[in-house]
Protein backbone atom coordinates (compact mmCIF):
# COMPACT_ATOMS: atom_id res chain seq x y z
CA MET A 1 -0.05 -0.14 0.01
CA VAL A 2 1.38 3.47 -0.97
CA ASN A 3 1.06 5.91 1.85
CA GLY A 4 -0.17 9.27 0.75
CA ASP A 5 1.47 11.69 3.58
CA PRO A 6 3.25 13.98 1.55
CA ARG A 7 5.45 14.35 4.52
CA THR A 8 7.28 11.04 3.84
CA ALA A 9 8.68 12.36 0.30
CA ALA A 10 9.90 15.58 1.80
CA PRO A 11 13.30 14.15 3.37
CA TRP A 12 14.08 12.59 0.13
CA VAL A 13 13.38 15.80 -2.01
CA ASP A 14 15.26 17.97 0.34
CA ALA A 15 18.58 15.94 0.15
CA VAL A 16 18.40 15.97 -3.45
CA LEU A 17 17.89 19.77 -3.30
CA ASP A 18 20.03 20.28 -0.43
CA VAL A 19 22.43 23.15 -1.00
CA GLN A 20 26.35 22.49 -0.23
CA PRO A 21 28.78 24.74 0.45
CA MET A 22 30.97 25.57 -2.73
CA PRO A 23 33.96 23.23 -3.06
CA PRO A 24 37.64 24.54 -3.09
CA ILE A 25 39.01 25.66 -6.25
CA GLU A 26 41.72 23.04 -5.83
CA THR A 27 39.04 20.45 -6.52
CA ILE A 28 37.61 22.38 -9.27
CA ALA A 29 40.67 22.72 -10.79
CA ALA A 30 41.46 18.86 -10.18
CA ALA A 31 38.12 17.76 -11.72
CA ALA A 32 39.08 19.95 -14.85
CA LEU A 33 42.53 18.41 -15.04
CA LEU A 34 41.04 15.16 -15.17
CA ALA A 35 38.25 15.54 -17.28
CA LEU A 36 41.20 16.96 -19.79
CA ALA A 37 42.98 13.70 -19.19
CA GLY A 38 39.80 11.74 -20.07
CA ILE A 39 39.61 13.80 -23.37
CA LEU A 40 43.07 14.02 -24.59
CA VAL A 41 45.08 10.97 -23.71
CA PRO A 42 44.96 8.73 -26.57
CA GLY A 43 44.40 5.66 -24.36
CA VAL A 44 41.89 6.79 -22.33
CA TRP A 45 39.75 8.54 -24.96
CA PRO A 46 38.40 5.58 -27.03
CA ARG A 47 36.61 4.72 -23.24
CA THR A 48 35.65 7.45 -21.89
CA ARG A 49 34.22 8.64 -25.50
CA HIS A 50 31.10 5.99 -24.76
CA LEU A 51 29.80 8.91 -22.34
CA LEU A 52 29.18 11.43 -25.15
CA THR A 53 28.05 8.76 -27.29
CA ILE A 54 25.26 8.04 -24.64
CA ALA A 55 24.68 12.10 -24.48
CA HIS A 56 24.79 11.96 -28.10
CA GLU A 57 22.12 9.32 -28.92
CA GLY A 58 20.06 10.10 -26.55
CA GLY A 59 19.79 13.52 -27.63
CA HIS A 60 18.36 12.37 -30.99
CA ALA A 61 15.71 10.14 -29.33
CA LEU A 62 14.52 12.67 -26.92
CA MET A 63 14.02 15.44 -29.82
CA ALA A 64 12.47 12.74 -31.77
CA LEU A 65 10.06 12.18 -29.11
CA LEU A 66 9.34 15.89 -28.62
CA THR A 67 8.99 16.20 -32.35
CA GLY A 68 6.10 13.66 -32.41
CA ARG A 69 8.36 10.55 -33.82
CA ARG A 70 8.26 7.33 -32.56
CA LEU A 71 11.38 6.00 -30.91
CA ALA A 72 12.20 2.30 -32.49
CA GLY A 73 15.53 2.22 -29.79
CA ILE A 74 19.27 3.35 -29.41
CA ARG A 75 22.19 0.96 -30.11
CA LEU A 76 25.52 1.94 -28.50
CA HIS A 77 28.82 -0.12 -29.94
CA SER A 78 32.14 -1.11 -28.88
CA ASP A 79 33.79 1.31 -31.25
CA THR A 80 31.89 3.79 -29.48
CA SER A 81 29.35 4.66 -32.02
CA GLY A 82 25.72 4.84 -32.00
CA LEU A 83 22.42 4.65 -33.64
CA SER A 84 18.95 6.35 -32.51
CA VAL A 85 16.09 4.58 -35.01
CA SER A 86 12.86 6.43 -34.88
CA VAL A 87 9.89 6.03 -37.28
CA GLY A 88 8.23 9.26 -38.73
CA ARG A 89 8.34 11.60 -41.77
CA THR A 90 11.67 11.51 -43.79
CA THR A 91 11.66 15.26 -44.23
CA GLY A 92 10.66 18.14 -42.23
CA VAL A 93 11.30 20.24 -39.42
CA GLY A 94 11.32 17.32 -37.05
CA MET A 95 13.72 15.10 -38.97
CA VAL A 96 16.03 18.08 -39.02
CA ALA A 97 15.74 18.94 -35.32
CA THR A 98 16.42 15.34 -34.15
CA LEU A 99 19.27 14.95 -36.55
CA ALA A 100 20.90 18.53 -35.40
CA VAL A 101 20.77 18.10 -31.84
CA GLY A 102 23.27 15.08 -31.60
CA TYR A 103 26.51 16.74 -31.30
CA LEU A 104 25.36 19.53 -29.27
CA THR A 105 23.90 17.49 -26.52
CA PRO A 106 26.95 16.75 -24.86
CA SER A 107 27.94 20.26 -24.29
CA ALA A 108 24.07 21.59 -23.65
CA LEU A 109 23.67 18.25 -20.70
CA GLY A 110 27.33 19.83 -19.71
CA LEU A 111 26.02 23.47 -19.16
CA ALA A 112 22.83 22.17 -17.26
CA ALA A 113 25.37 20.34 -14.88
CA ALA A 114 27.30 23.09 -14.73
CA ALA A 115 24.10 25.63 -13.60
CA THR A 116 23.20 22.91 -11.51
CA LEU A 117 26.53 22.82 -9.91
CA ALA A 118 26.84 26.52 -9.54
CA SER A 119 24.05 26.47 -7.27
CA GLY A 120 25.61 24.17 -4.97
CA ARG A 121 23.33 21.36 -5.88
CA VAL A 122 25.77 18.32 -5.92
CA THR A 123 23.22 15.95 -5.34
CA ALA A 124 20.30 16.89 -7.44
CA MET A 125 23.41 17.25 -10.48
CA LEU A 126 24.19 13.45 -9.62
CA TRP A 127 20.77 11.99 -9.60
CA GLY A 128 19.75 14.36 -12.48
CA THR A 129 22.48 11.96 -14.52
CA LEU A 130 21.13 8.99 -13.12
CA LEU A 131 17.53 9.26 -14.51
CA LEU A 132 19.48 10.24 -17.84
CA LEU A 133 21.14 7.43 -17.73
CA ALA A 134 18.08 5.17 -16.76
CA GLY A 135 15.97 6.77 -19.58
CA VAL A 136 18.61 6.02 -22.01
CA LEU A 137 18.91 2.51 -20.76
CA LEU A 138 14.95 1.94 -21.41
CA GLN A 139 15.61 2.62 -25.27
CA ILE A 140 18.77 0.45 -25.57
CA ARG A 141 18.42 -2.61 -27.98
CA ASN A 142 22.01 -4.23 -28.19
CA PHE A 143 23.81 -5.92 -25.09
CA PHE A 144 26.83 -3.85 -25.49
CA GLY A 145 24.62 -0.75 -25.08
CA PHE A 146 22.69 -2.55 -21.83
CA GLY A 147 25.95 -3.31 -20.29
CA LEU A 148 27.70 -0.05 -20.83
CA LEU A 149 24.42 1.72 -19.47
CA LEU A 150 24.59 -0.71 -16.52
CA VAL A 151 28.21 0.32 -15.58
CA ALA A 152 27.65 3.81 -16.13
CA GLY A 153 24.47 3.66 -13.93
CA GLY A 154 25.91 1.87 -11.50
CA LEU A 155 29.02 4.05 -11.02
CA VAL A 156 26.93 6.76 -10.49
CA LEU A 157 24.20 5.29 -8.27
CA ALA A 158 27.57 3.83 -6.10
CA VAL A 159 28.86 7.44 -5.68
CA SER A 160 25.80 9.08 -4.76
CA TYR A 161 24.73 6.75 -2.00
CA TRP A 162 28.20 5.53 -0.56
CA ALA A 163 31.31 8.21 -1.48
CA PRO A 164 31.53 10.56 1.02
CA ALA A 165 30.84 14.51 -0.04
CA GLU A 166 34.02 15.16 -1.29
CA ILE A 167 34.20 12.42 -3.84
CA GLN A 168 30.77 13.47 -4.78
CA THR A 169 31.48 17.00 -5.46
CA LEU A 170 34.80 15.75 -7.47
CA VAL A 171 32.67 12.98 -9.73
CA ALA A 172 29.98 15.67 -10.26
CA TYR A 173 32.44 18.11 -11.33
CA LEU A 174 34.61 15.77 -13.54
CA LEU A 175 31.41 15.00 -15.38
CA ALA A 176 30.37 18.42 -16.23
CA TRP A 177 33.72 19.16 -17.26
CA PHE A 178 34.25 16.28 -19.51
CA LEU A 179 30.72 16.87 -21.30
CA LEU A 180 31.53 20.69 -21.67
CA LEU A 181 35.10 20.10 -22.90
CA GLY A 182 34.63 16.91 -24.67
CA GLY A 183 31.68 17.77 -26.39
CA ILE A 184 33.69 19.45 -28.81
CA ARG A 185 36.16 16.92 -29.70
CA PRO A 186 33.81 14.40 -31.63
CA VAL A 187 32.90 17.74 -33.84
CA LEU A 188 36.56 18.01 -34.56
CA GLU A 189 36.98 13.91 -35.39
CA LEU A 190 33.79 14.48 -37.91
CA ALA A 191 35.17 16.99 -39.58
CA ARG A 192 38.71 15.29 -40.03
CA THR A 193 36.40 11.92 -40.98
CA ARG A 194 35.00 13.72 -43.63
CA ARG A 195 37.49 14.94 -45.20
CA ALA A 196 39.33 11.67 -45.17
CA THR A 197 36.23 9.55 -46.15
CA ARG A 198 33.49 11.54 -47.60
CA ILE A 199 31.18 8.18 -46.69
CA GLY A 200 27.92 10.58 -46.66
CA THR A 201 26.09 8.98 -43.63
CA SER A 202 27.06 11.64 -40.99
CA ASP A 203 24.47 13.35 -39.31
CA ALA A 204 26.20 16.54 -41.45
CA ASP A 205 25.72 14.88 -44.48
CA GLN A 206 22.22 13.98 -43.59
CA LEU A 207 21.26 17.53 -42.75
CA ALA A 208 22.84 18.51 -45.90
CA ARG A 209 20.67 16.57 -47.93
CA LEU A 210 17.75 17.50 -46.09
CA THR A 211 17.90 21.19 -45.88
CA GLY A 212 20.33 22.19 -48.82
CA LEU A 213 23.13 23.53 -46.59
CA PRO A 214 26.36 21.94 -47.13
CA ALA A 215 27.72 19.72 -44.49
CA GLY A 216 30.31 21.51 -44.20
CA VAL A 217 28.34 24.26 -42.65
CA TRP A 218 26.65 21.98 -40.36
CA VAL A 219 29.80 20.77 -38.97
CA VAL A 220 30.85 24.51 -38.45
CA LEU A 221 27.62 25.66 -37.00
CA PHE A 222 27.94 22.29 -34.70
CA LEU A 223 31.45 23.32 -33.42
CA ALA A 224 30.03 26.89 -33.11
CA GLY A 225 27.46 25.47 -30.70
CA ALA A 226 29.85 23.21 -28.70
CA VAL A 227 32.04 25.87 -27.90
CA VAL A 228 29.61 28.69 -27.11
CA LEU A 229 27.84 26.37 -25.00
CA ALA A 230 31.25 25.10 -23.42
CA GLY A 231 32.26 28.56 -22.72
CA LEU A 232 29.20 29.55 -20.79
CA GLY A 233 29.59 26.60 -18.78
CA VAL A 234 33.30 27.04 -17.99
CA ARG A 235 32.18 30.41 -17.13
CA LEU A 236 29.83 28.85 -14.29
CA LEU A 237 32.12 26.68 -12.90
CA SER A 238 34.82 28.44 -12.74
CA GLY A 239 33.06 31.70 -11.03
CA ILE A 240 34.37 33.93 -13.75
């Protein structure tokens, strides 16, 4: 039987929305350096990039739902690629929006995380991350993706429940920095891949066919958007 007393939920809500003191600048700087290592170290990047793929495909999926398309599922692969499949019109604003948000989603989530942390709500940021991972997990349609989401969600849950406050803060800032700064690198990789292969299956190429705007212009727009979002987030995290 569910207890209808609203007071039973209050401690949970208060705990999640509780405002923590701002961490020392050393913690924020350490988180930024760890995030940069995850982005720039060649042997580490192929593993950490999976987090950005989760965000990228989650952005496609959410926009598909918001524009009235039917989501058929998400697949995440061991080579850090991914695929979101939705059913609906193959042209029009909805399809354009669905394709356009993927490369911007990591940086946008990083900005949201930065804003949450700037307000002192570390727990809210971690639980928000957990809810987003759970939402993507419900749409996963392959074993690798399912395992990846279980590992990522399990780690965030473990930190949220059992880690001391200092570690929770470090992890929360690490995730925010990684999303903000890491969101730029896949766009640069897209530009390099398009110059080398010209396969024509990327988000930018599909948008070019839908809109008539050259794929190179879409890549520039992705990069500009990611840089602007990252800049706003960095200001929030660094207190500039």
